[in-house]
Amino acid sequence: MVAVALFEKGIGYTATARLLDVYRVPVKSPYRRWRIHGQGMLVSRPVKSYSFEFKLALVQRFLAGESGPDLAVEAGLGSRELLQKWVRAYRLEGEDGLRPKPKGRPRKPDSPPPAELSEVEQLRRENERLRAEAAYLGKLRALRAQKQR
C-alpha cells in the first residue's frame, strides 16, 4: 500500500492524502491503525477477545489521564476506537458495561414440557391448533377459488 510507505517515511495523513490526490478522511483511519501496528496493519489478524480485568484496567488508566492512542499501542488493541467504546460503556453502565455479554438469542421463558400438562390442557391446545389449521385451509381454498374465476 502506497500510503503505508509514505507513513513509514514520516509523512502524516494530510500530506499523504495530498500526495495521493485523495481526500484526507479515508487516509486518516489507516494512518491511525499504522501508528498502532506499523506495517503489521496490512496483515489480517484473528478476532481477539479481552478479559473484563484487562478492559477495566485500561479504562481506569484512560480516565486517570493517559492518552488513548498510547494505551492502544501499549495494549496492542486493534484500534483506539475499541478503547473509546469501552470507556463509553463504562461511563453509561459502570463496570457491568465491560463484562462479557451472552451470545445468541435470549431464551424463552420456561414453559412446562407437553408431558407435564394435564390431559385437559393438552386437548385444549390441540383443539386450538386444529381450529387454526382449519381456518388457514378455508382461507386458502377461498383464495384459490377467486383465482380460478
Protein backbone atom coordinates (compact mmCIF):
# COMPACT_ATOMS: atom_id res chain seq x y z
CA MET A 1 0.00 0.00 0.00
CA VAL A 2 1.47 3.31 -1.10
CA ALA A 3 0.04 5.22 1.87
CA VAL A 4 1.85 2.94 4.35
CA ALA A 5 5.15 3.54 2.55
CA LEU A 6 4.58 7.28 2.93
CA PHE A 7 3.66 6.86 6.61
CA GLU A 8 6.95 4.95 7.07
CA LYS A 9 8.83 7.96 5.68
CA GLY A 10 7.29 10.13 8.41
CA ILE A 11 4.63 11.79 6.29
CA GLY A 12 1.32 12.44 8.06
CA TYR A 13 -2.11 11.51 6.75
CA THR A 14 -2.97 15.02 5.46
CA ALA A 15 0.22 15.27 3.40
CA THR A 16 -0.20 11.66 2.23
CA ALA A 17 -3.71 12.44 1.02
CA ARG A 18 -2.40 15.46 -0.88
CA LEU A 19 0.39 13.40 -2.47
CA LEU A 20 -2.06 10.66 -3.50
CA ASP A 21 -4.61 13.25 -4.65
CA VAL A 22 -7.40 11.85 -2.47
CA TYR A 23 -9.50 13.25 0.36
CA ARG A 24 -7.79 13.09 3.73
CA VAL A 25 -10.70 11.49 5.61
CA PRO A 26 -10.24 7.98 4.11
CA VAL A 27 -6.49 8.17 4.80
CA LYS A 28 -6.94 9.07 8.48
CA SER A 29 -8.18 5.64 9.62
CA PRO A 30 -5.32 3.64 8.03
CA TYR A 31 -2.88 6.18 9.46
CA ARG A 32 -4.19 5.62 12.96
CA ARG A 33 -4.01 1.87 12.53
CA TRP A 34 -0.47 2.20 11.16
CA ARG A 35 0.54 4.17 14.28
CA ILE A 36 -0.60 1.24 16.42
CA HIS A 37 0.53 -1.74 14.31
CA GLY A 38 3.11 -0.38 11.89
CA GLN A 39 3.36 -2.46 8.71
CA GLY A 40 1.52 -5.24 10.56
CA MET A 41 -1.72 -3.40 9.81
CA LEU A 42 -1.65 -4.94 6.35
CA VAL A 43 -1.86 -8.45 7.77
CA SER A 44 -5.27 -9.75 8.82
CA ARG A 45 -5.48 -10.78 12.45
CA PRO A 46 -7.81 -13.18 14.21
CA VAL A 47 -10.51 -11.53 16.29
CA LYS A 48 -9.34 -11.16 19.89
CA SER A 49 -11.46 -11.15 22.99
CA TYR A 50 -10.29 -9.29 26.05
CA SER A 51 -10.92 -10.15 29.68
CA PHE A 52 -13.01 -7.98 31.97
CA GLU A 53 -9.98 -7.21 34.14
CA PHE A 54 -7.91 -6.13 31.12
CA LYS A 55 -10.66 -3.78 29.89
CA LEU A 56 -11.23 -2.32 33.36
CA ALA A 57 -7.52 -1.64 33.89
CA LEU A 58 -7.20 0.15 30.53
CA VAL A 59 -10.34 2.21 31.09
CA GLN A 60 -9.19 3.27 34.56
CA ARG A 61 -5.79 4.29 33.19
CA PHE A 62 -7.51 6.29 30.44
CA LEU A 63 -9.78 8.04 32.94
CA ALA A 64 -6.72 8.79 35.09
CA GLY A 65 -5.38 10.89 32.22
CA GLU A 66 -3.28 8.62 30.00
CA SER A 67 -3.53 9.09 26.23
CA GLY A 68 -5.93 6.82 24.33
CA PRO A 69 -3.64 6.18 21.33
CA ASP A 70 -0.68 5.44 23.61
CA LEU A 71 -2.73 2.95 25.63
CA ALA A 72 -3.98 1.30 22.42
CA VAL A 73 -0.41 0.88 21.17
CA GLU A 74 0.84 -0.43 24.52
CA ALA A 75 -2.01 -2.94 24.87
CA GLY A 76 -1.90 -3.99 21.21
CA LEU A 77 -5.56 -3.16 20.57
CA GLY A 78 -6.90 -3.38 17.03
CA SER A 79 -7.85 0.30 17.11
CA ARG A 80 -8.16 3.16 19.55
CA GLU A 81 -11.90 3.21 18.87
CA LEU A 82 -12.14 -0.05 20.81
CA LEU A 83 -10.84 1.70 23.93
CA GLN A 84 -13.27 4.57 23.35
CA LYS A 85 -16.12 2.05 23.11
CA TRP A 86 -15.09 0.52 26.46
CA VAL A 87 -14.87 3.96 28.09
CA ARG A 88 -18.35 4.85 26.80
CA ALA A 89 -19.79 1.58 28.13
CA TYR A 90 -18.06 2.14 31.49
CA ARG A 91 -19.48 5.65 31.79
CA LEU A 92 -23.01 4.50 30.92
CA GLU A 93 -23.24 1.20 32.82
CA GLY A 94 -20.27 1.17 35.19
CA GLU A 95 -18.19 -1.99 35.49
CA ASP A 96 -21.08 -4.13 34.23
CA GLY A 97 -20.73 -2.46 30.82
CA LEU A 98 -17.32 -4.14 30.42
CA ARG A 99 -18.46 -7.65 31.39
CA PRO A 100 -18.97 -10.20 28.60
CA LYS A 101 -22.49 -10.34 27.19
CA PRO A 102 -24.26 -13.65 26.49
CA LYS A 103 -24.21 -14.60 22.81
CA GLY A 104 -27.23 -15.53 20.70
CA ARG A 105 -30.94 -15.08 21.19
CA PRO A 106 -32.37 -14.75 24.66
CA ARG A 107 -34.05 -17.89 25.96
CA LYS A 108 -37.81 -18.19 26.06
CA PRO A 109 -39.43 -18.09 29.46
CA ASP A 110 -39.65 -21.55 30.97
CA SER A 111 -42.83 -23.34 29.95
CA PRO A 112 -43.60 -26.84 31.12
CA PRO A 113 -42.96 -29.64 28.61
CA PRO A 114 -46.10 -31.11 26.99
CA ALA A 115 -45.79 -34.31 29.05
CA GLU A 116 -46.27 -32.35 32.29
CA LEU A 117 -49.50 -30.66 31.13
CA SER A 118 -52.80 -32.06 32.27
CA GLU A 119 -54.82 -34.07 29.77
CA VAL A 120 -57.44 -31.31 29.59
CA GLU A 121 -54.76 -28.68 28.81
CA GLN A 122 -53.23 -30.93 26.12
CA LEU A 123 -56.64 -31.39 24.49
CA ARG A 124 -57.33 -27.66 24.68
CA ARG A 125 -54.03 -26.85 22.91
CA GLU A 126 -54.65 -29.49 20.25
CA ASN A 127 -58.15 -28.07 19.69
CA GLU A 128 -56.70 -24.54 19.20
CA ARG A 129 -54.12 -25.85 16.74
CA LEU A 130 -56.74 -27.74 14.73
CA ARG A 131 -59.04 -24.71 14.60
CA ALA A 132 -56.20 -22.53 13.32
CA GLU A 133 -55.30 -25.15 10.72
CA ALA A 134 -58.95 -25.40 9.55
CA ALA A 135 -59.20 -21.59 9.29
CA TYR A 136 -55.98 -21.44 7.27
CA LEU A 137 -57.14 -24.16 4.86
CA GLY A 138 -60.52 -22.43 4.45
CA LYS A 139 -58.85 -19.15 3.50
CA LEU A 140 -56.51 -20.97 1.12
CA ARG A 141 -59.48 -22.63 -0.64
CA ALA A 142 -61.22 -19.25 -0.92
CA LEU A 143 -58.14 -17.65 -2.47
CA ARG A 144 -57.76 -20.47 -4.99
CA ALA A 145 -61.43 -20.20 -5.89
CA GLN A 146 -61.01 -16.46 -6.50
CA LYS A 147 -58.04 -17.03 -8.80
CA GLN A 148 -59.98 -19.58 -10.88
CA ARG A 149 -62.82 -17.12 -11.60
